[in-house]
Amino acid sequence: MLGFGSSKTRAHPHGHAAHAHSHASDFPKQSHRKNRIRGLKAAINNPRTTDDGRAGAQAELNHMGVRPTKPSLQTRIRHFLGMGGKSHRR
């Protein structure tokens, strides 16, 4: 068997101590977590996000154990002036 979707403890072929191997089943969990973190950080830096939305995103990041982030100075100025986000169209 290929061992996808399972985590097993195996002895090393050269007599070293056994250790847990992570398999393909860990990849979707990690990529989902990373994408979630990216999305929450984006919400914090989005000038169109409400203060409550930013606070919720920050609380979620804190709960996930991610170090605190704050919006960049440019984002804070845009939000203060009521401007939207930057347009990437040319």
Protein backbone atom coordinates (compact mmCIF):
# COMPACT_ATOMS: atom_id res chain seq x y z
CA MET A 1 0.00 0.00 0.00
CA LEU A 2 1.06 3.58 -0.56
CA GLY A 3 0.04 4.71 2.91
CA PHE A 4 -1.86 7.80 1.84
CA GLY A 5 -4.25 9.13 4.44
CA SER A 6 -2.61 7.51 7.43
CA SER A 7 0.01 8.31 10.01
CA LYS A 8 1.95 5.30 11.27
CA THR A 9 4.96 4.74 13.45
CA ARG A 10 7.64 2.72 11.73
CA ALA A 11 11.07 1.51 12.72
CA HIS A 12 13.89 3.01 10.70
CA PRO A 13 15.55 0.38 8.47
CA HIS A 14 18.98 1.10 9.98
CA GLY A 15 17.94 0.46 13.56
CA HIS A 16 17.27 4.07 14.56
CA ALA A 17 14.40 4.90 16.88
CA ALA A 18 10.90 4.71 15.49
CA HIS A 19 9.20 7.98 14.62
CA ALA A 20 5.92 9.14 13.19
CA HIS A 21 5.77 9.72 9.45
CA SER A 22 3.35 12.25 8.11
CA HIS A 23 1.65 11.42 4.87
CA ALA A 24 -0.40 13.12 2.22
CA SER A 25 -3.38 13.44 4.58
CA ASP A 26 -1.53 16.19 6.49
CA PHE A 27 -1.10 18.34 3.37
CA PRO A 28 -4.74 19.44 2.95
CA LYS A 29 -4.97 20.33 6.64
CA GLN A 30 -1.82 22.46 6.51
CA SER A 31 -2.71 24.20 3.27
CA HIS A 32 -6.22 24.95 4.60
CA ARG A 33 -4.72 26.44 7.76
CA LYS A 34 -2.25 28.57 5.78
CA ASN A 35 -4.98 29.79 3.42
CA ARG A 36 -7.21 30.63 6.39
CA ILE A 37 -4.40 32.64 7.98
CA ARG A 38 -3.78 34.46 4.69
CA GLY A 39 -7.47 35.30 4.40
CA LEU A 40 -7.68 36.62 7.95
CA LYS A 41 -4.57 38.77 7.46
CA ALA A 42 -6.08 40.08 4.22
CA ALA A 43 -9.26 41.01 6.09
CA ILE A 44 -7.19 42.96 8.61
CA ASN A 45 -5.39 44.85 5.82
CA ASN A 46 -8.50 45.48 3.70
CA PRO A 47 -9.53 49.14 4.02
CA ARG A 48 -13.15 48.22 3.26
CA THR A 49 -13.40 45.84 6.21
CA THR A 50 -15.32 47.16 9.23
CA ASP A 51 -13.64 47.63 12.59
CA ASP A 52 -15.72 44.74 13.96
CA GLY A 53 -14.59 42.54 11.08
CA ARG A 54 -10.95 43.40 11.71
CA ALA A 55 -11.33 42.72 15.42
CA GLY A 56 -12.93 39.35 14.68
CA ALA A 57 -10.16 38.41 12.25
CA GLN A 58 -7.53 39.45 14.80
CA ALA A 59 -9.24 37.43 17.54
CA GLU A 60 -9.34 34.39 15.24
CA LEU A 61 -5.62 34.72 14.47
CA ASN A 62 -4.86 35.03 18.19
CA HIS A 63 -6.94 31.90 18.85
CA MET A 64 -4.97 30.05 16.15
CA GLY A 65 -1.71 31.05 17.84
CA VAL A 66 -0.54 33.36 15.06
CA ARG A 67 1.39 36.40 16.19
CA PRO A 68 -0.56 39.64 16.03
CA THR A 69 -0.62 41.71 12.88
CA LYS A 70 -1.86 45.20 12.33
CA PRO A 71 -2.82 46.98 9.14
CA SER A 72 -0.06 48.81 7.32
CA LEU A 73 0.18 52.58 7.66
CA GLN A 74 -1.09 53.02 4.09
CA THR A 75 -4.15 50.87 4.82
CA ARG A 76 -4.88 52.80 8.02
CA ILE A 77 -4.63 56.13 6.17
CA ARG A 78 -6.92 54.90 3.37
CA HIS A 79 -9.45 53.65 5.91
CA PHE A 80 -9.30 56.91 7.88
CA LEU A 81 -9.90 58.94 4.70
CA GLY A 82 -12.71 56.63 3.59
CA MET A 83 -10.87 55.55 0.47
CA GLY A 84 -11.24 52.07 -0.99
CA GLY A 85 -8.47 49.67 -1.73
CA LYS A 86 -5.93 50.15 -4.49
CA SER A 87 -7.09 49.33 -7.99
CA HIS A 88 -4.74 46.96 -9.78
CA ARG A 89 -6.25 47.69 -13.18
CA ARG A 90 -4.20 49.74 -15.59
